[in-house]
Amino acid sequence: MLALILVLSGCMFQKPDYVKSITPAQLNQLMHTGDIFLVDVHTPEQQHIKGTDLFVPYNEIEKYKDKFPTDKNTPIYLYCEGGPMGNAAARSLHELGYSNLSNLEGGANAWRKAGLEFE
């Protein structure tokens, strides 16, 4: 029983190695210092963070793959409302060969709590 608990708790806290977490402050800083590719993947569609380049539902990444940069090393920043849909979208993009993926920690909720701008 203890072994099962350890396995389950380890899986819940393990972050996939193909996606980095980024805080609202870090993302805001990046957006002010350069042009980034920012994608809202939340369904249903929500109010977008100011500067969002693309809206693609997290579960339809494959369907819209032609909307993403052709260079698979381009940094792509993802967000949803709270975080999980961004991680799911990152998994799909990783499977398509993208290697520089970041998900906004806490999603649009954290962005809003930080007092940052929406469109």
Protein backbone atom coordinates (compact mmCIF):
# COMPACT_ATOMS: atom_id res chain seq x y z
CA MET A 1 0.00 0.00 0.00
CA LEU A 2 2.80 2.44 0.89
CA ALA A 3 4.54 1.73 -2.41
CA LEU A 4 1.33 2.54 -4.31
CA ILE A 5 0.96 5.84 -2.44
CA LEU A 6 4.57 6.77 -3.21
CA VAL A 7 4.14 5.96 -6.91
CA LEU A 8 0.90 7.93 -7.17
CA SER A 9 2.22 10.97 -5.30
CA GLY A 10 5.40 10.97 -7.41
CA CYS A 11 3.36 11.01 -10.63
CA MET A 12 1.18 13.88 -9.51
CA PHE A 13 4.11 16.22 -8.81
CA GLN A 14 6.39 15.24 -11.66
CA LYS A 15 6.54 17.91 -14.37
CA PRO A 16 7.15 16.74 -17.92
CA ASP A 17 10.62 17.60 -19.21
CA TYR A 18 9.37 18.95 -22.55
CA VAL A 19 7.61 22.01 -21.07
CA LYS A 20 8.93 24.74 -18.78
CA SER A 21 6.80 26.74 -16.36
CA ILE A 22 6.92 30.49 -16.56
CA THR A 23 5.51 32.96 -14.03
CA PRO A 24 3.30 35.89 -15.03
CA ALA A 25 6.14 38.31 -14.12
CA GLN A 26 8.64 36.40 -16.30
CA LEU A 27 6.23 36.24 -19.25
CA ASN A 28 5.38 39.94 -18.90
CA GLN A 29 9.11 40.79 -18.91
CA LEU A 30 9.68 38.69 -22.07
CA MET A 31 6.75 40.36 -23.80
CA HIS A 32 8.26 43.80 -23.13
CA THR A 33 11.76 42.88 -24.29
CA GLY A 34 10.95 41.11 -27.55
CA ASP A 35 8.45 39.54 -29.88
CA ILE A 36 7.21 36.19 -28.57
CA PHE A 37 4.70 33.62 -29.88
CA LEU A 38 1.88 33.50 -27.30
CA VAL A 39 -1.00 31.03 -27.64
CA ASP A 40 -4.25 30.81 -25.66
CA VAL A 41 -5.39 27.17 -25.59
CA HIS A 42 -8.33 27.45 -23.16
CA THR A 43 -11.75 26.14 -24.10
CA PRO A 44 -14.17 27.70 -24.22
CA GLU A 45 -12.46 30.77 -25.63
CA GLN A 46 -11.74 33.32 -22.91
CA GLN A 47 -10.55 36.91 -22.69
CA HIS A 48 -7.02 36.90 -24.13
CA ILE A 49 -3.85 38.25 -22.57
CA LYS A 50 -2.85 41.40 -24.45
CA GLY A 51 -0.38 40.38 -27.16
CA THR A 52 -1.77 36.88 -27.77
CA ASP A 53 -0.83 35.71 -31.28
CA LEU A 54 -3.14 32.75 -31.66
CA PHE A 55 -6.12 30.99 -30.11
CA VAL A 56 -6.21 27.23 -30.62
CA PRO A 57 -8.22 24.87 -28.39
CA TYR A 58 -5.84 22.67 -26.38
CA ASN A 59 -7.41 19.51 -27.79
CA GLU A 60 -7.20 20.62 -31.45
CA ILE A 61 -3.47 21.39 -31.78
CA GLU A 62 -2.99 18.85 -34.58
CA LYS A 63 -5.90 20.37 -36.55
CA TYR A 64 -4.27 23.84 -36.45
CA LYS A 65 -0.61 22.81 -36.73
CA ASP A 66 -0.16 24.98 -39.85
CA LYS A 67 -0.82 28.08 -37.69
CA PHE A 68 2.30 27.41 -35.58
CA PRO A 69 5.83 28.50 -36.53
CA THR A 70 7.52 26.28 -39.12
CA ASP A 71 10.76 26.41 -37.10
CA LYS A 72 10.22 23.75 -34.42
CA ASN A 73 12.79 25.47 -32.14
CA THR A 74 10.79 28.72 -31.95
CA PRO A 75 9.87 29.47 -28.33
CA ILE A 76 6.12 28.99 -27.87
CA TYR A 77 4.38 30.29 -24.74
CA LEU A 78 1.06 28.66 -23.86
CA TYR A 79 -1.67 29.55 -21.41
CA CYS A 80 -5.18 28.54 -20.46
CA GLU A 81 -7.30 29.62 -17.51
CA GLY A 82 -5.41 27.74 -14.80
CA GLY A 83 -2.60 25.65 -16.33
CA PRO A 84 -3.70 22.07 -17.16
CA MET A 85 -4.91 22.74 -20.72
CA GLY A 86 -1.59 24.48 -21.42
CA ASN A 87 0.26 21.34 -20.33
CA ALA A 88 -1.96 19.19 -22.57
CA ALA A 89 -1.30 21.52 -25.53
CA ALA A 90 2.44 21.37 -24.81
CA ARG A 91 2.31 17.58 -24.94
CA SER A 92 0.62 17.73 -28.37
CA LEU A 93 3.14 20.27 -29.68
CA HIS A 94 6.01 18.18 -28.32
CA GLU A 95 4.63 15.17 -30.21
CA LEU A 96 4.67 17.35 -33.37
CA GLY A 97 8.38 18.02 -32.81
CA TYR A 98 8.36 21.40 -31.01
CA SER A 99 11.12 21.65 -28.45
CA ASN A 100 10.97 25.11 -26.84
CA LEU A 101 7.65 25.15 -24.95
CA SER A 102 6.60 27.11 -21.88
CA ASN A 103 3.29 27.11 -19.99
CA LEU A 104 2.11 30.06 -17.91
CA GLU A 105 2.05 28.95 -14.28
CA GLY A 106 -1.48 29.47 -12.97
CA GLY A 107 -2.70 30.53 -16.42
CA ALA A 108 -4.86 33.58 -17.08
CA ASN A 109 -6.04 33.49 -13.45
CA ALA A 110 -2.50 34.15 -12.21
CA TRP A 111 -2.01 36.82 -14.90
CA ARG A 112 -5.20 38.56 -13.71
CA LYS A 113 -4.16 38.32 -10.03
CA ALA A 114 -0.82 39.93 -10.96
CA GLY A 115 -2.79 42.90 -12.36
CA LEU A 116 -1.50 42.41 -15.91
CA GLU A 117 -3.26 43.40 -19.14
CA PHE A 118 -5.92 41.64 -21.19
CA GLU A 119 -7.18 42.61 -24.63
